Protein backbone atom coordinates (compact mmCIF):
# COMPACT_ATOMS: atom_id res chain seq x y z
CA MET A 1 -20.81 10.10 34.89
CA ALA A 2 -24.09 8.19 34.87
CA LYS A 3 -25.51 6.98 38.16
CA ASN A 4 -27.80 4.03 38.58
CA VAL A 5 -30.84 4.93 40.63
CA THR A 6 -32.81 2.67 42.89
CA MET A 7 -36.51 2.04 42.37
CA GLU A 8 -37.18 4.10 45.50
CA GLU A 9 -35.25 7.07 44.06
CA SER A 10 -37.10 6.71 40.77
CA ILE A 11 -40.47 6.66 42.57
CA TYR A 12 -39.44 9.79 44.49
CA GLN A 13 -38.55 11.58 41.26
CA LEU A 14 -41.85 10.56 39.61
CA LEU A 15 -43.81 11.78 42.64
CA LYS A 16 -41.92 15.10 42.55
CA ASP A 17 -42.41 15.53 38.80
CA VAL A 18 -46.15 14.85 38.94
CA ASP A 19 -46.52 17.12 41.99
CA ARG A 20 -44.92 20.07 40.16
CA ASN A 21 -46.77 19.34 36.88
CA TYR A 22 -43.50 18.68 35.06
CA PHE A 23 -45.07 16.60 32.30
CA THR A 24 -46.64 18.73 29.57
CA SER A 25 -47.60 15.73 27.44
CA ASN A 26 -47.96 11.99 27.62
CA ARG A 27 -44.85 9.93 26.92
CA GLN A 28 -44.13 6.99 24.70
CA LEU A 29 -41.83 4.66 26.61
CA ASN A 30 -39.70 1.63 25.95
CA LYS A 31 -40.88 -1.17 28.22
CA ASN A 32 -37.28 -1.63 29.41
CA SER A 33 -36.93 1.98 30.54
CA MET A 34 -36.72 2.93 34.20
CA LEU A 35 -39.68 5.30 33.85
CA TYR A 36 -41.88 2.49 32.47
CA GLN A 37 -40.79 0.15 35.26
CA THR A 38 -41.41 2.84 37.87
CA ILE A 39 -44.93 3.59 36.62
CA GLU A 40 -45.68 -0.12 36.49
CA GLU A 41 -44.45 -0.45 40.08
CA VAL A 42 -46.61 2.38 41.48
CA GLN A 43 -49.84 1.91 39.52
CA ASP A 44 -51.70 0.08 42.27
CA LYS A 45 -50.22 1.88 45.29
CA GLY A 46 -52.92 4.57 45.47
CA TRP A 47 -50.43 7.45 45.13
CA PHE A 48 -51.65 8.72 41.75
CA ASN A 49 -54.88 9.58 39.95
CA LYS A 50 -55.04 9.41 36.15
CA LEU A 51 -51.68 7.66 35.74
CA GLU A 52 -51.93 4.82 33.23
CA LEU A 53 -49.78 2.71 30.96
CA GLN A 54 -51.18 1.57 27.62
CA THR A 55 -49.07 -0.98 25.81
CA VAL A 56 -48.57 -0.86 22.05
CA LYS A 57 -49.33 -4.23 20.49
CA ASN A 58 -46.46 -6.00 18.72
CA TYR A 59 -43.93 -3.39 19.89
CA PRO A 60 -41.90 -3.06 23.10
CA LEU A 61 -43.54 0.33 23.69
CA ALA A 62 -46.19 1.85 25.90
CA THR A 63 -47.86 5.22 26.27
CA ALA A 64 -47.83 6.71 29.76
CA THR A 65 -50.56 9.20 30.62
CA LEU A 66 -48.48 11.69 32.59
CA LYS A 67 -49.93 15.06 31.59
CA THR A 68 -53.15 14.59 33.56
CA ALA A 69 -51.62 12.60 36.43
CA GLU A 70 -52.16 13.93 39.95
CA LEU A 71 -51.01 12.91 43.41
CA THR A 72 -53.57 11.57 45.84
CA GLU A 73 -53.40 12.45 49.55
CA ALA A 74 -51.48 9.20 50.04
CA GLY A 75 -49.11 10.25 47.25
CA VAL A 76 -48.44 13.62 48.87
CA LYS A 77 -47.75 11.84 52.17
CA HIS A 78 -45.42 9.33 50.54
CA LEU A 79 -43.60 12.14 48.71
CA ALA A 80 -42.97 13.88 52.05
CA GLU A 81 -41.69 10.63 53.58
CA LEU A 82 -39.31 10.02 50.68
CA LYS A 83 -38.15 13.64 50.73
CA ASP A 84 -37.13 13.29 54.37
CA LYS A 85 -35.30 10.08 53.55
CA LEU A 86 -33.72 10.84 50.17
CA ASP A 87 -33.42 14.59 49.63
CA THR A 88 -29.80 15.60 50.18
CA ASN A 89 -30.52 19.29 49.49
CA LYS A 90 -32.37 19.96 52.71
CA GLU A 91 -32.40 23.58 53.81
């Protein structure tokens, strides 16, 4: 069954994915998608380097530069904070 995720959970997942170099290419996104909204939310937080959204004119689409994205020191710190708060698979 599908589960709605909060923005905080989505940010945590994006931080984790960028940290482990999950993205092997850039992504074309629908502007209504959770990933688009998450990237838009975090763009000015200082948690990422080389993470950008480029909108496609006359279409509800954008390209997200995810392949080259990296976490900043602040991003690594925020990832650790969210892990303590949200990760249910703690060892």
